[in-house]
């Protein structure tokens, strides 16, 4: 297993633990980064010509590259992926930088959304 997939799995576990302990904003952060690390793994393994170093503002580039890969296999799934990852991204920005208060329901929604995104990766991008 790659280090990026291991980190992705660790963030999945951490998100669940954080929800259980009432640390909702941190849980949302982990749910989003679970998907980011999985996307980095996908790019590293499926698009080796793509740069290996990603900077802070590069999430959109990463999302677009993975969306394009998914679109080649299933155009409808690429729309679902884009909606889900953008929702997670917005939630993560709110959790990290804004005064929005998260609760257990919001945090669980983020974790379920990340579950769906990763499931889509596993089905379409093996």
N, C-alpha and C. Protein backbone atom coordinates (compact mmCIF):
# COMPACT_ATOMS: atom_id res chain seq x y z
N UNK A 1 0.85 -1.18 0.00
CA UNK A 1 0.00 0.00 0.00
C UNK A 1 0.89 1.24 0.00
N UNK A 2 0.52 2.21 -0.83
CA UNK A 2 1.32 3.43 -0.89
C UNK A 2 1.14 4.25 0.39
N UNK A 3 2.11 5.11 0.64
CA UNK A 3 2.03 5.98 1.81
C UNK A 3 0.83 6.92 1.72
N UNK A 4 0.49 7.34 0.50
CA UNK A 4 -0.66 8.23 0.34
C UNK A 4 -1.97 7.53 0.68
N UNK A 5 -2.11 6.27 0.25
CA UNK A 5 -3.32 5.53 0.62
C UNK A 5 -3.37 5.28 2.12
N UNK A 6 -2.22 5.02 2.72
CA UNK A 6 -2.17 4.82 4.17
C UNK A 6 -2.62 6.10 4.89
N UNK A 7 -2.13 7.23 4.43
CA UNK A 7 -2.55 8.51 5.02
C UNK A 7 -4.05 8.74 4.83
N UNK A 8 -4.55 8.38 3.65
CA UNK A 8 -5.98 8.52 3.38
C UNK A 8 -6.79 7.69 4.37
N UNK A 9 -6.36 6.45 4.58
CA UNK A 9 -7.06 5.58 5.54
C UNK A 9 -6.96 6.11 6.96
N UNK A 10 -5.81 6.66 7.31
CA UNK A 10 -5.64 7.24 8.64
C UNK A 10 -6.61 8.41 8.84
N UNK A 11 -6.79 9.23 7.80
CA UNK A 11 -7.72 10.35 7.91
C UNK A 11 -9.16 9.87 8.02
N UNK A 12 -9.48 8.77 7.36
CA UNK A 12 -10.83 8.19 7.51
C UNK A 12 -11.06 7.78 8.96
N UNK A 13 -10.11 7.09 9.53
CA UNK A 13 -10.22 6.64 10.93
C UNK A 13 -10.28 7.84 11.86
N UNK A 14 -9.40 8.81 11.61
CA UNK A 14 -9.35 10.01 12.47
C UNK A 14 -10.67 10.77 12.41
N UNK A 15 -11.27 10.89 11.22
CA UNK A 15 -12.54 11.60 11.09
C UNK A 15 -13.61 10.96 11.96
N UNK A 16 -13.68 9.63 11.94
CA UNK A 16 -14.66 8.92 12.77
C UNK A 16 -14.42 9.13 14.25
N UNK A 17 -13.18 9.04 14.66
CA UNK A 17 -12.83 9.23 16.08
C UNK A 17 -13.16 10.67 16.51
N UNK A 18 -12.83 11.62 15.65
CA UNK A 18 -13.08 13.03 15.99
C UNK A 18 -14.57 13.32 16.12
N UNK A 19 -15.40 12.73 15.26
CA UNK A 19 -16.85 12.90 15.39
C UNK A 19 -17.30 12.33 16.73
N UNK A 20 -16.83 11.13 17.06
CA UNK A 20 -17.23 10.48 18.31
C UNK A 20 -16.83 11.28 19.54
N UNK A 21 -15.79 12.11 19.40
CA UNK A 21 -15.32 12.91 20.53
C UNK A 21 -15.76 14.38 20.44
N UNK A 22 -16.69 14.67 19.54
CA UNK A 22 -17.24 16.01 19.47
C UNK A 22 -16.33 17.04 18.82
N UNK A 23 -15.31 16.60 18.11
CA UNK A 23 -14.38 17.52 17.45
C UNK A 23 -14.77 17.61 15.97
N UNK A 24 -15.86 18.30 15.74
CA UNK A 24 -16.55 18.23 14.46
C UNK A 24 -15.80 18.92 13.32
N UNK A 25 -15.28 20.11 13.56
CA UNK A 25 -14.56 20.81 12.49
C UNK A 25 -13.32 20.02 12.06
N UNK A 26 -12.62 19.49 13.01
CA UNK A 26 -11.42 18.69 12.68
C UNK A 26 -11.80 17.43 11.91
N UNK A 27 -12.96 16.88 12.23
CA UNK A 27 -13.43 15.70 11.51
C UNK A 27 -13.69 16.03 10.04
N UNK A 28 -14.31 17.18 9.78
CA UNK A 28 -14.58 17.59 8.40
C UNK A 28 -13.26 17.76 7.64
N UNK A 29 -12.28 18.36 8.29
CA UNK A 29 -10.95 18.54 7.71
C UNK A 29 -10.38 17.17 7.28
N UNK A 30 -10.46 16.20 8.16
CA UNK A 30 -9.92 14.87 7.87
C UNK A 30 -10.70 14.18 6.75
N UNK A 31 -12.00 14.36 6.71
CA UNK A 31 -12.80 13.75 5.64
C UNK A 31 -12.38 14.27 4.28
N UNK A 32 -12.15 15.57 4.19
CA UNK A 32 -11.73 16.16 2.92
C UNK A 32 -10.33 15.67 2.55
N UNK A 33 -9.40 15.74 3.48
CA UNK A 33 -8.02 15.37 3.15
C UNK A 33 -7.86 13.87 2.89
N UNK A 34 -8.78 13.09 3.39
CA UNK A 34 -8.81 11.67 3.02
C UNK A 34 -8.93 11.56 1.50
N UNK A 35 -9.83 12.34 0.92
CA UNK A 35 -10.05 12.31 -0.53
C UNK A 35 -8.87 12.91 -1.28
N UNK A 36 -8.31 14.00 -0.76
CA UNK A 36 -7.16 14.64 -1.41
C UNK A 36 -6.00 13.65 -1.50
N UNK A 37 -5.71 12.96 -0.40
CA UNK A 37 -4.58 12.02 -0.41
C UNK A 37 -4.86 10.86 -1.35
N UNK A 38 -6.09 10.42 -1.44
CA UNK A 38 -6.44 9.36 -2.38
C UNK A 38 -6.28 9.86 -3.82
N UNK A 39 -6.67 11.11 -4.08
CA UNK A 39 -6.50 11.67 -5.42
C UNK A 39 -5.01 11.81 -5.77
N UNK A 40 -4.21 12.18 -4.81
CA UNK A 40 -2.76 12.26 -5.05
C UNK A 40 -2.21 10.88 -5.43
N UNK A 41 -2.67 9.86 -4.74
CA UNK A 41 -2.26 8.49 -5.08
C UNK A 41 -2.67 8.14 -6.51
N UNK A 42 -3.90 8.47 -6.87
CA UNK A 42 -4.40 8.19 -8.22
C UNK A 42 -3.53 8.89 -9.26
N UNK A 43 -3.23 10.15 -9.04
CA UNK A 43 -2.41 10.88 -10.01
C UNK A 43 -1.00 10.30 -10.10
N UNK A 44 -0.46 9.94 -8.98
CA UNK A 44 0.90 9.38 -8.97
C UNK A 44 0.95 8.04 -9.70
N UNK A 45 -0.10 7.24 -9.60
CA UNK A 45 -0.07 5.91 -10.21
C UNK A 45 -0.66 5.88 -11.62
N UNK A 46 -1.64 6.71 -11.89
CA UNK A 46 -2.32 6.66 -13.20
C UNK A 46 -1.85 7.74 -14.17
N UNK A 47 -1.26 8.77 -13.64
CA UNK A 47 -0.77 9.89 -14.47
C UNK A 47 0.66 10.23 -14.07
N UNK A 48 1.58 9.33 -14.32
CA UNK A 48 2.96 9.54 -13.83
C UNK A 48 3.64 10.77 -14.42
N UNK A 49 3.15 11.26 -15.55
CA UNK A 49 3.74 12.45 -16.16
C UNK A 49 3.31 13.74 -15.46
N UNK A 50 2.30 13.65 -14.62
CA UNK A 50 1.81 14.82 -13.88
C UNK A 50 2.77 15.12 -12.74
N UNK A 51 2.91 16.37 -12.45
CA UNK A 51 3.87 16.79 -11.41
C UNK A 51 3.64 16.03 -10.11
N UNK A 52 4.72 15.86 -9.40
CA UNK A 52 4.67 15.10 -8.15
C UNK A 52 4.51 16.01 -6.94
N UNK A 53 4.77 17.29 -7.12
CA UNK A 53 4.68 18.21 -5.99
C UNK A 53 3.46 19.10 -6.18
N UNK A 54 2.63 19.13 -5.18
CA UNK A 54 1.40 19.92 -5.22
C UNK A 54 1.50 20.99 -4.16
N UNK A 55 1.09 22.18 -4.50
CA UNK A 55 1.16 23.28 -3.54
C UNK A 55 -0.23 23.59 -3.01
N UNK A 56 -0.28 24.57 -2.16
CA UNK A 56 -1.51 24.90 -1.46
C UNK A 56 -2.67 25.20 -2.40
N UNK A 57 -2.44 25.93 -3.46
CA UNK A 57 -3.52 26.30 -4.36
C UNK A 57 -3.81 25.30 -5.45
N UNK A 58 -3.28 24.12 -5.33
CA UNK A 58 -3.35 23.16 -6.43
C UNK A 58 -4.49 22.15 -6.31
N UNK A 59 -5.32 22.27 -5.32
CA UNK A 59 -6.40 21.29 -5.17
C UNK A 59 -7.33 21.29 -6.37
N UNK A 60 -7.59 22.47 -6.95
CA UNK A 60 -8.45 22.51 -8.12
C UNK A 60 -7.83 21.74 -9.28
N UNK A 61 -6.52 21.88 -9.48
CA UNK A 61 -5.83 21.13 -10.54
C UNK A 61 -5.97 19.63 -10.29
N UNK A 62 -5.76 19.24 -9.08
CA UNK A 62 -5.85 17.82 -8.71
C UNK A 62 -7.27 17.29 -8.94
N UNK A 63 -8.25 18.03 -8.48
CA UNK A 63 -9.64 17.64 -8.66
C UNK A 63 -9.97 17.52 -10.15
N UNK A 64 -9.53 18.48 -10.94
CA UNK A 64 -9.81 18.47 -12.38
C UNK A 64 -9.17 17.26 -13.07
N UNK A 65 -7.96 16.92 -12.70
CA UNK A 65 -7.29 15.76 -13.31
C UNK A 65 -8.02 14.46 -12.97
N UNK A 66 -8.41 14.32 -11.73
CA UNK A 66 -9.12 13.10 -11.34
C UNK A 66 -10.51 13.08 -11.96
N UNK A 67 -11.18 14.21 -12.00
CA UNK A 67 -12.49 14.28 -12.64
C UNK A 67 -12.41 13.85 -14.11
N UNK A 68 -11.35 14.29 -14.80
CA UNK A 68 -11.18 13.91 -16.20
C UNK A 68 -10.96 12.41 -16.36
N UNK A 69 -10.21 11.81 -15.43
CA UNK A 69 -10.03 10.36 -15.47
C UNK A 69 -11.36 9.64 -15.29
N UNK A 70 -12.14 10.10 -14.34
CA UNK A 70 -13.45 9.48 -14.09
C UNK A 70 -14.36 9.68 -15.29
N UNK A 71 -14.32 10.86 -15.88
CA UNK A 71 -15.19 11.18 -17.02
C UNK A 71 -14.95 10.23 -18.19
N UNK A 72 -13.71 9.80 -18.38
CA UNK A 72 -13.40 8.85 -19.46
C UNK A 72 -14.12 7.52 -19.26
N UNK A 73 -14.34 7.16 -18.01
CA UNK A 73 -15.00 5.88 -17.70
C UNK A 73 -16.51 6.02 -17.57
N UNK A 74 -16.94 7.14 -16.98
CA UNK A 74 -18.37 7.32 -16.71
C UNK A 74 -18.68 8.81 -16.54
N UNK A 75 -19.17 9.46 -17.59
CA UNK A 75 -19.43 10.91 -17.51
C UNK A 75 -20.38 11.30 -16.37
N UNK A 76 -21.40 10.48 -16.11
CA UNK A 76 -22.32 10.81 -15.02
C UNK A 76 -21.62 10.74 -13.66
N UNK A 77 -20.76 9.77 -13.51
CA UNK A 77 -20.02 9.64 -12.25
C UNK A 77 -19.09 10.82 -12.04
N UNK A 78 -18.56 11.39 -13.13
CA UNK A 78 -17.67 12.54 -12.98
C UNK A 78 -18.44 13.75 -12.43
N UNK A 79 -19.70 13.88 -12.81
CA UNK A 79 -20.52 14.96 -12.26
C UNK A 79 -20.79 14.75 -10.78
N UNK A 80 -21.11 13.52 -10.42
CA UNK A 80 -21.33 13.18 -9.01
C UNK A 80 -20.06 13.44 -8.20
N UNK A 81 -18.92 12.99 -8.72
CA UNK A 81 -17.64 13.22 -8.04
C UNK A 81 -17.41 14.71 -7.85
N UNK A 82 -17.59 15.49 -8.91
CA UNK A 82 -17.33 16.92 -8.82
C UNK A 82 -18.23 17.58 -7.79
N UNK A 83 -19.50 17.24 -7.78
CA UNK A 83 -20.42 17.81 -6.78
C UNK A 83 -20.00 17.45 -5.36
N UNK A 84 -19.66 16.18 -5.16
CA UNK A 84 -19.29 15.72 -3.82
C UNK A 84 -17.98 16.33 -3.34
N UNK A 85 -16.97 16.35 -4.20
CA UNK A 85 -15.66 16.85 -3.76
C UNK A 85 -15.72 18.37 -3.55
N UNK A 86 -16.51 19.06 -4.37
CA UNK A 86 -16.65 20.51 -4.16
C UNK A 86 -17.40 20.81 -2.87
N UNK A 87 -18.42 20.00 -2.56
CA UNK A 87 -19.14 20.17 -1.28
C UNK A 87 -18.19 19.93 -0.11
N UNK A 88 -17.40 18.87 -0.20
CA UNK A 88 -16.43 18.60 0.87
C UNK A 88 -15.41 19.73 1.00
N UNK A 89 -14.98 20.23 -0.12
CA UNK A 89 -13.99 21.32 -0.11
C UNK A 89 -14.57 22.55 0.57
N UNK A 90 -15.81 22.91 0.21
CA UNK A 90 -16.46 24.07 0.85
C UNK A 90 -16.59 23.86 2.36
N UNK A 91 -17.01 22.66 2.73
CA UNK A 91 -17.14 22.36 4.16
C UNK A 91 -15.80 22.47 4.87
N UNK A 92 -14.75 21.97 4.22
CA UNK A 92 -13.41 22.02 4.83
C UNK A 92 -12.96 23.46 5.00
N UNK A 93 -13.19 24.32 4.02
CA UNK A 93 -12.83 25.73 4.14
C UNK A 93 -13.60 26.37 5.29
N UNK A 94 -14.89 26.06 5.39
CA UNK A 94 -15.69 26.59 6.51
C UNK A 94 -15.15 26.09 7.84
N UNK A 95 -14.81 24.80 7.89
CA UNK A 95 -14.33 24.20 9.14
C UNK A 95 -12.99 24.79 9.57
N UNK A 96 -12.12 25.06 8.60
CA UNK A 96 -10.78 25.52 8.92
C UNK A 96 -10.65 27.02 9.08
N UNK A 97 -11.43 27.80 8.32
CA UNK A 97 -11.17 29.24 8.25
C UNK A 97 -12.33 30.15 8.61
N UNK A 98 -13.52 29.62 8.73
CA UNK A 98 -14.67 30.48 8.98
C UNK A 98 -15.28 30.19 10.35
N UNK A 99 -16.23 31.00 10.73
CA UNK A 99 -16.83 30.87 12.06
C UNK A 99 -18.04 29.93 12.06
N UNK A 100 -18.22 29.19 10.99
CA UNK A 100 -19.33 28.24 10.90
C UNK A 100 -19.14 27.15 11.96
N UNK A 101 -20.20 26.87 12.70
CA UNK A 101 -20.15 25.81 13.70
C UNK A 101 -20.65 24.52 13.09
N UNK A 102 -19.89 23.46 13.27
CA UNK A 102 -20.29 22.14 12.79
C UNK A 102 -20.81 21.31 13.95
N UNK A 103 -21.71 20.40 13.62
CA UNK A 103 -22.23 19.49 14.63
C UNK A 103 -22.02 18.06 14.14
N UNK A 104 -22.51 17.12 14.92
CA UNK A 104 -22.31 15.70 14.58
C UNK A 104 -22.93 15.38 13.22
N UNK A 105 -24.09 15.94 12.94
CA UNK A 105 -24.76 15.64 11.67
C UNK A 105 -23.92 16.12 10.48
N UNK A 106 -23.41 17.36 10.54
CA UNK A 106 -22.57 17.89 9.46
C UNK A 106 -21.31 17.05 9.28
N UNK A 107 -20.72 16.69 10.39
CA UNK A 107 -19.47 15.93 10.34
C UNK A 107 -19.69 14.54 9.77
N UNK A 108 -20.79 13.92 10.16
CA UNK A 108 -21.10 12.59 9.61
C UNK A 108 -21.43 12.68 8.12
N UNK A 109 -22.08 13.76 7.74
CA UNK A 109 -22.37 13.97 6.31
C UNK A 109 -21.06 14.07 5.52
N UNK A 110 -20.09 14.79 6.05
CA UNK A 110 -18.79 14.92 5.38
C UNK A 110 -18.11 13.55 5.28
N UNK A 111 -18.18 12.77 6.34
CA UNK A 111 -17.55 11.45 6.32
C UNK A 111 -18.27 10.52 5.33
N UNK A 112 -19.60 10.57 5.30
CA UNK A 112 -20.35 9.75 4.32
C UNK A 112 -20.03 10.19 2.89
N UNK A 113 -19.90 11.48 2.69
CA UNK A 113 -19.57 11.98 1.35
C UNK A 113 -18.18 11.49 0.95
N UNK A 114 -17.24 11.55 1.87
CA UNK A 114 -15.89 11.05 1.54
C UNK A 114 -15.92 9.55 1.29
N UNK A 115 -16.76 8.81 2.01
CA UNK A 115 -16.92 7.37 1.75
C UNK A 115 -17.38 7.15 0.31
N UNK A 116 -18.34 7.94 -0.14
CA UNK A 116 -18.85 7.80 -1.49
C UNK A 116 -17.81 8.13 -2.54
N UNK A 117 -17.02 9.17 -2.29
CA UNK A 117 -15.97 9.56 -3.23
C UNK A 117 -14.93 8.45 -3.34
N UNK A 118 -14.48 7.92 -2.22
CA UNK A 118 -13.47 6.87 -2.24
C UNK A 118 -14.03 5.59 -2.87
N UNK A 119 -15.30 5.29 -2.60
CA UNK A 119 -15.92 4.12 -3.23
C UNK A 119 -15.93 4.28 -4.75
N UNK A 120 -16.26 5.48 -5.21
CA UNK A 120 -16.25 5.75 -6.64
C UNK A 120 -14.84 5.54 -7.21
N UNK A 121 -13.82 6.03 -6.51
CA UNK A 121 -12.43 5.79 -6.95
C UNK A 121 -12.16 4.30 -7.09
N UNK A 122 -12.55 3.55 -6.07
CA UNK A 122 -12.25 2.11 -6.05
C UNK A 122 -12.98 1.35 -7.14
N UNK A 123 -14.17 1.81 -7.53
CA UNK A 123 -14.93 1.13 -8.57
C UNK A 123 -14.42 1.52 -9.97
N UNK A 124 -14.19 2.80 -10.19
CA UNK A 124 -13.87 3.27 -11.54
C UNK A 124 -12.39 3.39 -11.86
N UNK A 125 -11.57 3.55 -10.86
CA UNK A 125 -10.16 3.85 -11.13
C UNK A 125 -9.21 2.80 -10.58
N UNK A 126 -9.57 1.55 -10.74
CA UNK A 126 -8.69 0.46 -10.27
C UNK A 126 -7.58 0.26 -11.25
